[in-house]
Amino acid sequence: MKANRKFMDEEAVSPVIGVILMVAITVILAAVIAAFVFGMGSSLKKQYTIAATASSVSNNMIIVTYNGGPDADQVLSLNASMNGSFLVPSTANATFIAGQTVGSQVEFRGSAGRSDHIIVTATFQDNNQQVILDTYV
């Protein structure tokens, strides 16, 4: 009987450790709430929704088409590049027509026998830039 009493008198956590844990939890909660209240997450840029597609029409001809989207009215310009170069032998340059009508196209002369890397970047009215197409054709 006396052996069982030895285990009954011990406490699991001392009151000092309990107080320290409660203070730590309170400080962490205060920091998280302050982050939301003072807007630390407000520096994120708006993500726009528009689309472009690239398709191969022959062995060496690639057509990039602007498809528009819900945020199409915010677009200032679209720039297309192939394999990291803005040089486009079949058109004057790789910038789509200002005004951005759905169906606008840019043609590239691709490389025969290998995939070409196509990237289309949009610039919006708030000067935000966003990649809207990154694919291999």
C-alpha atoms as a PDB file:
ATOM      1  CA  MET A   1       0.000   0.000   0.000  1.00  0.00           C
ATOM      2  CA  LYS A   2       2.801   2.443   0.794  1.00  0.00           C
ATOM      3  CA  ALA A   3       4.372   1.851  -2.618  1.00  0.00           C
ATOM      4  CA  ASN A   4       1.257   3.179  -4.387  1.00  0.00           C
ATOM      5  CA  ARG A   5       1.229   6.410  -2.345  1.00  0.00           C
ATOM      6  CA  LYS A   6       4.680   7.331  -3.616  1.00  0.00           C
ATOM      7  CA  PHE A   7       3.329   7.774  -7.161  1.00  0.00           C
ATOM      8  CA  MET A   8       0.172   9.666  -6.124  1.00  0.00           C
ATOM      9  CA  ASP A   9       2.010  12.671  -4.617  1.00  0.00           C
ATOM     10  CA  GLU A  10       3.917  13.712  -7.775  1.00  0.00           C
ATOM     11  CA  GLU A  11       2.610  16.453 -10.106  1.00  0.00           C
ATOM     12  CA  ALA A  12       2.858  15.992 -13.889  1.00  0.00           C
ATOM     13  CA  VAL A  13       3.865  19.597 -14.799  1.00  0.00           C
ATOM     14  CA  SER A  14       5.062  22.257 -12.452  1.00  0.00           C
ATOM     15  CA  PRO A  15       3.002  25.482 -12.291  1.00  0.00           C
ATOM     16  CA  VAL A  16       5.972  27.537 -13.559  1.00  0.00           C
ATOM     17  CA  ILE A  17       6.241  25.524 -16.783  1.00  0.00           C
ATOM     18  CA  GLY A  18       2.471  25.828 -17.267  1.00  0.00           C
ATOM     19  CA  VAL A  19       2.619  29.622 -16.963  1.00  0.00           C
ATOM     20  CA  ILE A  20       5.547  29.838 -19.399  1.00  0.00           C
ATOM     21  CA  LEU A  21       3.637  27.757 -21.967  1.00  0.00           C
ATOM     22  CA  MET A  22       0.509  29.926 -21.619  1.00  0.00           C
ATOM     23  CA  VAL A  23       2.540  33.130 -22.109  1.00  0.00           C
ATOM     24  CA  ALA A  24       4.249  31.663 -25.181  1.00  0.00           C
ATOM     25  CA  ILE A  25       0.908  30.684 -26.727  1.00  0.00           C
ATOM     26  CA  THR A  26      -0.484  34.174 -26.039  1.00  0.00           C
ATOM     27  CA  VAL A  27       2.506  35.875 -27.688  1.00  0.00           C
ATOM     28  CA  ILE A  28       2.247  33.656 -30.783  1.00  0.00           C
ATOM     29  CA  LEU A  29      -1.492  34.312 -31.122  1.00  0.00           C
ATOM     30  CA  ALA A  30      -0.916  38.066 -30.747  1.00  0.00           C
ATOM     31  CA  ALA A  31       1.698  38.004 -33.535  1.00  0.00           C
ATOM     32  CA  VAL A  32      -0.603  36.119 -35.921  1.00  0.00           C
ATOM     33  CA  ILE A  33      -3.526  38.457 -35.249  1.00  0.00           C
ATOM     34  CA  ALA A  34      -1.283  41.515 -35.693  1.00  0.00           C
ATOM     35  CA  ALA A  35      -0.114  40.177 -39.075  1.00  0.00           C
ATOM     36  CA  PHE A  36      -3.711  40.025 -40.305  1.00  0.00           C
ATOM     37  CA  VAL A  37      -4.766  43.355 -38.780  1.00  0.00           C
ATOM     38  CA  PHE A  38      -1.799  45.353 -40.090  1.00  0.00           C
ATOM     39  CA  GLY A  39      -1.963  43.754 -43.550  1.00  0.00           C
ATOM     40  CA  MET A  40       1.401  42.031 -43.853  1.00  0.00           C
ATOM     41  CA  GLY A  41      -0.066  39.878 -46.641  1.00  0.00           C
ATOM     42  CA  SER A  42      -1.258  42.851 -48.717  1.00  0.00           C
ATOM     43  CA  SER A  43       1.957  43.088 -50.753  1.00  0.00           C
ATOM     44  CA  LEU A  44       0.830  40.243 -53.032  1.00  0.00           C
ATOM     45  CA  LYS A  45       0.180  41.187 -56.663  1.00  0.00           C
ATOM     46  CA  LYS A  46      -3.198  40.557 -58.240  1.00  0.00           C
ATOM     47  CA  GLN A  47      -3.328  37.487 -60.439  1.00  0.00           C
ATOM     48  CA  TYR A  48      -5.166  38.036 -63.716  1.00  0.00           C
ATOM     49  CA  THR A  49      -7.018  35.410 -65.725  1.00  0.00           C
ATOM     50  CA  ILE A  50      -6.346  35.442 -69.462  1.00  0.00           C
ATOM     51  CA  ALA A  51      -5.079  32.781 -71.831  1.00  0.00           C
ATOM     52  CA  ALA A  52      -3.028  32.154 -74.951  1.00  0.00           C
ATOM     53  CA  THR A  53      -2.384  28.948 -76.871  1.00  0.00           C
ATOM     54  CA  ALA A  54       0.434  27.763 -79.128  1.00  0.00           C
ATOM     55  CA  SER A  55       0.017  25.218 -81.878  1.00  0.00           C
ATOM     56  CA  SER A  56       2.210  23.787 -84.582  1.00  0.00           C
ATOM     57  CA  VAL A  57       0.612  24.062 -88.020  1.00  0.00           C
ATOM     58  CA  SER A  58       3.506  22.482 -89.933  1.00  0.00           C
ATOM     59  CA  ASN A  59       7.027  21.189 -89.291  1.00  0.00           C
ATOM     60  CA  ASN A  60       8.444  24.661 -88.838  1.00  0.00           C
ATOM     61  CA  MET A  61       5.447  27.028 -88.347  1.00  0.00           C
ATOM     62  CA  ILE A  62       4.072  27.762 -84.856  1.00  0.00           C
ATOM     63  CA  ILE A  63       1.087  30.042 -84.257  1.00  0.00           C
ATOM     64  CA  VAL A  64       0.486  31.680 -80.860  1.00  0.00           C
ATOM     65  CA  THR A  65      -3.141  32.819 -80.396  1.00  0.00           C
ATOM     66  CA  TYR A  66      -4.496  35.216 -77.758  1.00  0.00           C
ATOM     67  CA  ASN A  67      -7.706  33.724 -76.311  1.00  0.00           C
ATOM     68  CA  GLY A  68      -8.785  36.532 -73.946  1.00  0.00           C
ATOM     69  CA  GLY A  69     -10.437  35.860 -70.590  1.00  0.00           C
ATOM     70  CA  PRO A  70     -12.283  37.597 -67.736  1.00  0.00           C
ATOM     71  CA  ASP A  71      -9.472  40.152 -67.264  1.00  0.00           C
ATOM     72  CA  ALA A  72      -8.895  40.839 -70.969  1.00  0.00           C
ATOM     73  CA  ASP A  73      -9.916  44.497 -70.568  1.00  0.00           C
ATOM     74  CA  GLN A  74      -6.906  45.046 -68.243  1.00  0.00           C
ATOM     75  CA  VAL A  75      -4.276  43.968 -70.825  1.00  0.00           C
ATOM     76  CA  LEU A  76      -1.918  46.610 -72.236  1.00  0.00           C
ATOM     77  CA  SER A  77       0.343  44.329 -74.264  1.00  0.00           C
ATOM     78  CA  LEU A  78       1.303  40.714 -74.849  1.00  0.00           C
ATOM     79  CA  ASN A  79       4.845  39.650 -75.692  1.00  0.00           C
ATOM     80  CA  ALA A  80       5.677  36.253 -77.140  1.00  0.00           C
ATOM     81  CA  SER A  81       9.111  34.684 -77.377  1.00  0.00           C
ATOM     82  CA  MET A  82      10.441  31.410 -78.738  1.00  0.00           C
ATOM     83  CA  ASN A  83      13.540  29.731 -77.281  1.00  0.00           C
ATOM     84  CA  GLY A  84      14.376  32.905 -75.344  1.00  0.00           C
ATOM     85  CA  SER A  85      14.513  35.119 -78.447  1.00  0.00           C
ATOM     86  CA  PHE A  86      12.058  37.821 -79.452  1.00  0.00           C
ATOM     87  CA  LEU A  87      13.223  37.625 -83.075  1.00  0.00           C
ATOM     88  CA  VAL A  88      10.381  36.485 -85.294  1.00  0.00           C
ATOM     89  CA  PRO A  89      11.303  35.927 -88.929  1.00  0.00           C
ATOM     90  CA  SER A  90       7.696  35.715 -90.176  1.00  0.00           C
ATOM     91  CA  THR A  91       6.399  38.909 -88.472  1.00  0.00           C
ATOM     92  CA  ALA A  92       7.812  42.342 -87.677  1.00  0.00           C
ATOM     93  CA  ASN A  93       8.024  41.682 -83.940  1.00  0.00           C
ATOM     94  CA  ALA A  94       6.616  39.417 -81.259  1.00  0.00           C
ATOM     95  CA  THR A  95       4.270  41.938 -79.645  1.00  0.00           C
ATOM     96  CA  PHE A  96       0.590  41.325 -80.237  1.00  0.00           C
ATOM     97  CA  ILE A  97      -1.540  44.133 -81.675  1.00  0.00           C
ATOM     98  CA  ALA A  98      -2.521  46.887 -79.202  1.00  0.00           C
ATOM     99  CA  GLY A  99      -6.177  46.657 -78.209  1.00  0.00           C
ATOM    100  CA  GLN A 100      -5.826  42.907 -77.778  1.00  0.00           C
ATOM    101  CA  THR A 101      -8.689  41.418 -79.741  1.00  0.00           C
ATOM    102  CA  VAL A 102      -9.440  37.788 -79.071  1.00  0.00           C
ATOM    103  CA  GLY A 103      -7.955  35.728 -81.857  1.00  0.00           C
ATOM    104  CA  SER A 104      -4.867  37.938 -82.420  1.00  0.00           C
ATOM    105  CA  GLN A 105      -1.979  35.762 -83.595  1.00  0.00           C
ATOM    106  CA  VAL A 106       1.797  35.776 -83.865  1.00  0.00           C
ATOM    107  CA  GLU A 107       3.675  33.337 -86.125  1.00  0.00           C
ATOM    108  CA  PHE A 108       7.041  31.775 -85.364  1.00  0.00           C
ATOM    109  CA  ARG A 109       9.277  29.700 -87.578  1.00  0.00           C
ATOM    110  CA  GLY A 110      10.141  26.770 -85.374  1.00  0.00           C
ATOM    111  CA  SER A 111      13.025  24.355 -85.420  1.00  0.00           C
ATOM    112  CA  ALA A 112      12.488  21.250 -87.497  1.00  0.00           C
ATOM    113  CA  GLY A 113      12.759  18.022 -85.519  1.00  0.00           C
ATOM    114  CA  ARG A 114      12.828  19.470 -81.992  1.00  0.00           C
ATOM    115  CA  SER A 115      10.484  21.167 -79.525  1.00  0.00           C
ATOM    116  CA  ASP A 116      10.468  24.950 -79.294  1.00  0.00           C
ATOM    117  CA  HIS A 117       9.939  26.776 -75.986  1.00  0.00           C
ATOM    118  CA  ILE A 118       7.141  29.372 -76.245  1.00  0.00           C
ATOM    119  CA  ILE A 119       6.570  31.986 -73.511  1.00  0.00           C
ATOM    120  CA  VAL A 120       3.817  34.631 -73.601  1.00  0.00           C
ATOM    121  CA  THR A 121       3.948  37.473 -71.061  1.00  0.00           C
ATOM    122  CA  ALA A 122       1.115  39.965 -70.472  1.00  0.00           C
ATOM    123  CA  THR A 123       1.511  43.515 -69.174  1.00  0.00           C
ATOM    124  CA  PHE A 124      -1.556  44.911 -67.414  1.00  0.00           C
ATOM    125  CA  GLN A 125      -2.806  48.458 -66.719  1.00  0.00           C
ATOM    126  CA  ASP A 126      -1.323  48.427 -63.190  1.00  0.00           C
ATOM    127  CA  ASN A 127       2.125  47.630 -64.744  1.00  0.00           C
ATOM    128  CA  ASN A 128       1.969  44.099 -63.351  1.00  0.00           C
ATOM    129  CA  GLN A 129       3.523  41.477 -65.649  1.00  0.00           C
ATOM    130  CA  GLN A 130       2.437  37.852 -65.675  1.00  0.00           C
ATOM    131  CA  VAL A 131       3.404  34.812 -67.716  1.00  0.00           C
ATOM    132  CA  ILE A 132       0.224  33.456 -69.297  1.00  0.00           C
ATOM    133  CA  LEU A 133       1.750  30.686 -71.439  1.00  0.00           C
ATOM    134  CA  ASP A 134       4.911  28.652 -70.942  1.00  0.00           C
ATOM    135  CA  THR A 135       4.947  25.561 -73.124  1.00  0.00           C
ATOM    136  CA  TYR A 136       6.909  23.475 -75.600  1.00  0.00           C
ATOM    137  CA  VAL A 137       5.523  22.933 -79.097  1.00  0.00           C
END
